[in-house]
Amino acid sequence: MPYLVEILLPIIRGRRSRTNLDSVRKELTERFGGITLHINAPAEGLWEDGGDVEEDRIIVVEVMVDDLDRPWWSSYRADLEARFRQEEIVLRAVVIERL
């Protein structure tokens, strides 16, 4: 059963952020053979933290995979959190049916 893995990456202005995004693009394309980046229409992420509403502008990275290697994705998420200096980066997977 194929999966669609989505990664919600924060947009942080600056060269370091662009370098990180380019690295993600290269790493995932090499490992999985292709990705989709929704860059031109950034989304807004809102959540409550201690009574304050926090906001991120994010892009969505999508990868289609046949098998879900949970340990690898968990490790990759931790690496992304360190690279992007985030407390948490959301990765989610949904089962897909190709039409």
N, C-alpha and C. Protein backbone atom coordinates (compact mmCIF):
# COMPACT_ATOMS: atom_id res chain seq x y z
N MET A 1 0.85 -1.18 0.00
CA MET A 1 0.00 0.00 0.00
C MET A 1 0.89 1.24 0.00
N PRO A 2 0.73 2.13 -0.97
CA PRO A 2 1.57 3.33 -1.02
C PRO A 2 1.11 4.39 0.00
N TYR A 3 2.05 5.24 0.37
CA TYR A 3 1.80 6.31 1.32
C TYR A 3 2.23 7.65 0.73
N LEU A 4 1.59 8.69 1.20
CA LEU A 4 2.03 10.05 0.92
C LEU A 4 2.54 10.61 2.24
N VAL A 5 3.83 10.91 2.28
CA VAL A 5 4.44 11.51 3.47
C VAL A 5 4.49 13.01 3.24
N GLU A 6 3.97 13.77 4.20
CA GLU A 6 3.99 15.22 4.13
C GLU A 6 4.87 15.77 5.25
N ILE A 7 5.71 16.71 4.89
CA ILE A 7 6.58 17.38 5.86
C ILE A 7 6.21 18.85 5.85
N LEU A 8 5.91 19.40 7.01
CA LEU A 8 5.57 20.82 7.12
C LEU A 8 6.81 21.56 7.60
N LEU A 9 7.45 22.28 6.68
CA LEU A 9 8.69 22.98 6.98
C LEU A 9 8.45 24.48 7.15
N PRO A 10 9.04 25.07 8.18
CA PRO A 10 8.86 26.51 8.39
C PRO A 10 9.65 27.31 7.37
N ILE A 11 9.08 28.44 7.00
CA ILE A 11 9.80 29.37 6.13
C ILE A 11 10.46 30.39 7.04
N ILE A 12 11.75 30.41 6.97
CA ILE A 12 12.53 31.38 7.72
C ILE A 12 13.37 32.11 6.70
N ARG A 13 13.23 33.40 6.64
CA ARG A 13 13.97 34.18 5.64
C ARG A 13 15.46 34.06 5.88
N GLY A 14 16.20 33.98 4.80
CA GLY A 14 17.65 33.99 4.93
C GLY A 14 18.30 32.86 4.15
N ARG A 15 19.58 33.02 4.01
CA ARG A 15 20.38 32.07 3.22
C ARG A 15 20.40 30.68 3.85
N ARG A 16 20.54 30.61 5.17
CA ARG A 16 20.60 29.31 5.86
C ARG A 16 19.34 28.49 5.59
N SER A 17 18.19 29.15 5.64
CA SER A 17 16.93 28.45 5.40
C SER A 17 16.88 27.92 3.96
N ARG A 18 17.32 28.72 3.01
CA ARG A 18 17.31 28.29 1.60
C ARG A 18 18.25 27.11 1.40
N THR A 19 19.41 27.17 2.05
CA THR A 19 20.37 26.07 1.97
C THR A 19 19.77 24.80 2.56
N ASN A 20 19.09 24.93 3.69
CA ASN A 20 18.44 23.77 4.31
C ASN A 20 17.37 23.19 3.39
N LEU A 21 16.57 24.04 2.78
CA LEU A 21 15.52 23.57 1.88
C LEU A 21 16.12 22.88 0.65
N ASP A 22 17.18 23.43 0.11
CA ASP A 22 17.86 22.80 -1.03
C ASP A 22 18.40 21.43 -0.64
N SER A 23 18.91 21.30 0.58
CA SER A 23 19.42 20.01 1.06
C SER A 23 18.29 18.99 1.18
N VAL A 24 17.16 19.42 1.72
CA VAL A 24 16.00 18.53 1.84
C VAL A 24 15.57 18.05 0.46
N ARG A 25 15.47 18.98 -0.48
CA ARG A 25 15.08 18.64 -1.86
C ARG A 25 16.02 17.58 -2.43
N LYS A 26 17.30 17.79 -2.29
CA LYS A 26 18.30 16.87 -2.84
C LYS A 26 18.25 15.50 -2.14
N GLU A 27 18.22 15.52 -0.83
CA GLU A 27 18.23 14.27 -0.05
C GLU A 27 17.02 13.38 -0.38
N LEU A 28 15.84 13.99 -0.37
CA LEU A 28 14.63 13.19 -0.59
C LEU A 28 14.49 12.75 -2.04
N THR A 29 14.91 13.60 -2.97
CA THR A 29 14.85 13.20 -4.39
C THR A 29 15.79 12.03 -4.64
N GLU A 30 17.00 12.09 -4.08
CA GLU A 30 17.95 11.00 -4.26
C GLU A 30 17.45 9.71 -3.61
N ARG A 31 16.86 9.81 -2.44
CA ARG A 31 16.43 8.61 -1.72
C ARG A 31 15.15 8.00 -2.30
N PHE A 32 14.20 8.85 -2.71
CA PHE A 32 12.88 8.35 -3.12
C PHE A 32 12.57 8.57 -4.59
N GLY A 33 13.43 9.23 -5.33
CA GLY A 33 13.22 9.38 -6.76
C GLY A 33 12.38 10.56 -7.16
N GLY A 34 11.91 11.35 -6.22
CA GLY A 34 11.13 12.54 -6.55
C GLY A 34 10.36 13.06 -5.36
N ILE A 35 10.07 14.35 -5.38
CA ILE A 35 9.28 14.99 -4.33
C ILE A 35 8.46 16.11 -4.96
N THR A 36 7.52 16.62 -4.21
CA THR A 36 6.77 17.80 -4.60
C THR A 36 6.92 18.81 -3.47
N LEU A 37 7.28 20.04 -3.84
CA LEU A 37 7.39 21.13 -2.87
C LEU A 37 6.33 22.18 -3.21
N HIS A 38 5.50 22.50 -2.25
CA HIS A 38 4.51 23.56 -2.43
C HIS A 38 5.11 24.84 -1.86
N ILE A 39 5.85 25.55 -2.73
CA ILE A 39 6.63 26.71 -2.29
C ILE A 39 5.92 28.03 -2.56
N ASN A 40 5.23 28.15 -3.66
CA ASN A 40 4.70 29.44 -4.07
C ASN A 40 3.45 29.89 -3.32
N ALA A 41 2.85 29.02 -2.56
CA ALA A 41 1.67 29.38 -1.78
C ALA A 41 1.87 28.92 -0.34
N PRO A 42 2.74 29.61 0.40
CA PRO A 42 2.98 29.16 1.77
C PRO A 42 1.71 29.15 2.59
N ALA A 43 1.62 28.17 3.45
CA ALA A 43 0.48 28.05 4.35
C ALA A 43 0.82 28.72 5.67
N GLU A 44 -0.20 28.98 6.46
CA GLU A 44 0.00 29.51 7.80
C GLU A 44 -0.37 28.44 8.80
N GLY A 45 0.52 28.21 9.74
CA GLY A 45 0.25 27.28 10.82
C GLY A 45 0.03 28.06 12.10
N LEU A 46 -1.07 27.80 12.78
CA LEU A 46 -1.39 28.48 14.03
C LEU A 46 -1.58 27.44 15.13
N TRP A 47 -1.08 27.74 16.31
CA TRP A 47 -1.29 26.86 17.46
C TRP A 47 -1.19 27.69 18.73
N GLU A 48 -1.80 27.17 19.78
CA GLU A 48 -1.77 27.86 21.06
C GLU A 48 -0.65 27.30 21.91
N ASP A 49 0.08 28.22 22.53
CA ASP A 49 1.21 27.83 23.38
C ASP A 49 1.18 28.69 24.63
N GLY A 50 0.71 28.11 25.73
CA GLY A 50 0.66 28.85 26.99
C GLY A 50 -0.23 30.08 26.94
N GLY A 51 -1.33 30.00 26.21
CA GLY A 51 -2.26 31.12 26.11
C GLY A 51 -1.97 32.07 24.97
N ASP A 52 -0.79 32.00 24.38
CA ASP A 52 -0.44 32.83 23.24
C ASP A 52 -0.64 32.04 21.95
N VAL A 53 -1.04 32.72 20.90
CA VAL A 53 -1.18 32.07 19.60
C VAL A 53 0.11 32.29 18.83
N GLU A 54 0.73 31.19 18.45
CA GLU A 54 1.97 31.22 17.68
C GLU A 54 1.62 31.02 16.20
N GLU A 55 2.49 31.52 15.33
CA GLU A 55 2.23 31.41 13.89
C GLU A 55 3.53 31.09 13.15
N ASP A 56 3.41 30.20 12.18
CA ASP A 56 4.51 29.88 11.27
C ASP A 56 4.00 29.99 9.85
N ARG A 57 4.85 30.40 8.97
CA ARG A 57 4.58 30.25 7.54
C ARG A 57 5.32 29.00 7.14
N ILE A 58 4.63 28.11 6.46
CA ILE A 58 5.22 26.81 6.15
C ILE A 58 5.05 26.47 4.67
N ILE A 59 5.92 25.59 4.21
CA ILE A 59 5.75 24.96 2.92
C ILE A 59 5.53 23.48 3.18
N VAL A 60 4.86 22.84 2.27
CA VAL A 60 4.58 21.42 2.39
C VAL A 60 5.46 20.68 1.39
N VAL A 61 6.17 19.67 1.90
CA VAL A 61 6.98 18.79 1.07
C VAL A 61 6.26 17.45 1.04
N GLU A 62 6.03 16.90 -0.15
CA GLU A 62 5.34 15.61 -0.29
C GLU A 62 6.26 14.59 -0.94
N VAL A 63 6.21 13.38 -0.39
CA VAL A 63 6.98 12.27 -0.93
C VAL A 63 6.06 11.05 -0.98
N MET A 64 6.00 10.37 -2.13
CA MET A 64 5.23 9.13 -2.23
C MET A 64 6.18 7.95 -2.03
N VAL A 65 5.80 7.05 -1.13
CA VAL A 65 6.64 5.88 -0.83
C VAL A 65 5.76 4.63 -0.82
N ASP A 66 6.36 3.49 -1.18
CA ASP A 66 5.62 2.23 -1.16
C ASP A 66 5.58 1.64 0.24
N ASP A 67 6.66 1.81 0.99
CA ASP A 67 6.74 1.29 2.35
C ASP A 67 7.06 2.43 3.30
N LEU A 68 6.51 2.37 4.48
CA LEU A 68 6.72 3.43 5.47
C LEU A 68 7.76 2.96 6.48
N ASP A 69 8.98 3.44 6.32
CA ASP A 69 10.08 3.10 7.22
C ASP A 69 10.05 4.08 8.39
N ARG A 70 9.26 3.75 9.39
CA ARG A 70 9.03 4.65 10.52
C ARG A 70 10.31 5.06 11.25
N PRO A 71 11.23 4.13 11.54
CA PRO A 71 12.47 4.56 12.21
C PRO A 71 13.27 5.58 11.39
N TRP A 72 13.33 5.37 10.07
CA TRP A 72 14.07 6.32 9.23
C TRP A 72 13.41 7.69 9.27
N TRP A 73 12.08 7.74 9.12
CA TRP A 73 11.37 9.02 9.13
C TRP A 73 11.49 9.71 10.48
N SER A 74 11.46 8.95 11.55
CA SER A 74 11.61 9.54 12.89
C SER A 74 12.98 10.18 13.05
N SER A 75 14.01 9.50 12.58
CA SER A 75 15.37 10.03 12.63
C SER A 75 15.50 11.26 11.74
N TYR A 76 14.90 11.22 10.56
CA TYR A 76 14.97 12.35 9.64
C TYR A 76 14.26 13.57 10.23
N ARG A 77 13.12 13.33 10.89
CA ARG A 77 12.40 14.44 11.54
C ARG A 77 13.28 15.10 12.59
N ALA A 78 13.96 14.30 13.41
CA ALA A 78 14.85 14.86 14.44
C ALA A 78 15.96 15.69 13.79
N ASP A 79 16.49 15.20 12.68
CA ASP A 79 17.53 15.94 11.96
C ASP A 79 16.98 17.26 11.43
N LEU A 80 15.78 17.25 10.87
CA LEU A 80 15.17 18.48 10.36
C LEU A 80 14.92 19.48 11.49
N GLU A 81 14.48 18.99 12.64
CA GLU A 81 14.24 19.89 13.77
C GLU A 81 15.51 20.60 14.19
N ALA A 82 16.62 19.88 14.17
CA ALA A 82 17.90 20.50 14.51
C ALA A 82 18.33 21.50 13.43
N ARG A 83 18.22 21.11 12.18
CA ARG A 83 18.64 21.98 11.07
C ARG A 83 17.84 23.26 10.99
N PHE A 84 16.51 23.11 11.17
CA PHE A 84 15.63 24.27 11.05
C PHE A 84 15.41 24.97 12.39
N ARG A 85 16.09 24.46 13.44
CA ARG A 85 15.99 25.04 14.78
C ARG A 85 14.55 25.16 15.25
N GLN A 86 13.85 24.02 15.16
CA GLN A 86 12.44 23.96 15.53
C GLN A 86 12.24 22.98 16.68
N GLU A 87 11.32 23.31 17.56
CA GLU A 87 10.97 22.41 18.65
C GLU A 87 10.33 21.14 18.09
N GLU A 88 9.49 21.33 17.07
CA GLU A 88 8.86 20.17 16.43
C GLU A 88 8.58 20.49 14.97
N ILE A 89 8.86 19.54 14.10
CA ILE A 89 8.46 19.61 12.70
C ILE A 89 7.48 18.47 12.49
N VAL A 90 6.36 18.79 11.88
CA VAL A 90 5.32 17.79 11.68
C VAL A 90 5.60 16.99 10.41
N LEU A 91 5.62 15.68 10.57
CA LEU A 91 5.63 14.75 9.46
C LEU A 91 4.38 13.91 9.62
N ARG A 92 3.67 13.69 8.54
CA ARG A 92 2.48 12.84 8.60
C ARG A 92 2.41 12.00 7.35
N ALA A 93 1.78 10.86 7.48
CA ALA A 93 1.66 9.94 6.35
C ALA A 93 0.21 9.51 6.22
N VAL A 94 -0.24 9.43 5.00
CA VAL A 94 -1.59 8.94 4.71
C VAL A 94 -1.50 7.86 3.65
N VAL A 95 -2.34 6.87 3.77
CA VAL A 95 -2.41 5.82 2.77
C VAL A 95 -3.08 6.42 1.53
N ILE A 96 -2.53 6.13 0.36
CA ILE A 96 -3.11 6.65 -0.87
C ILE A 96 -3.47 5.52 -1.82
N GLU A 97 -4.40 5.81 -2.65
CA GLU A 97 -4.79 4.87 -3.72
C GLU A 97 -4.54 5.59 -5.03
N ARG A 98 -3.69 5.04 -5.85
CA ARG A 98 -3.43 5.65 -7.17
C ARG A 98 -4.61 5.38 -8.09
N LEU A 99 -5.05 6.40 -8.77
CA LEU A 99 -6.21 6.26 -9.66
C LEU A 99 -5.75 6.24 -11.11
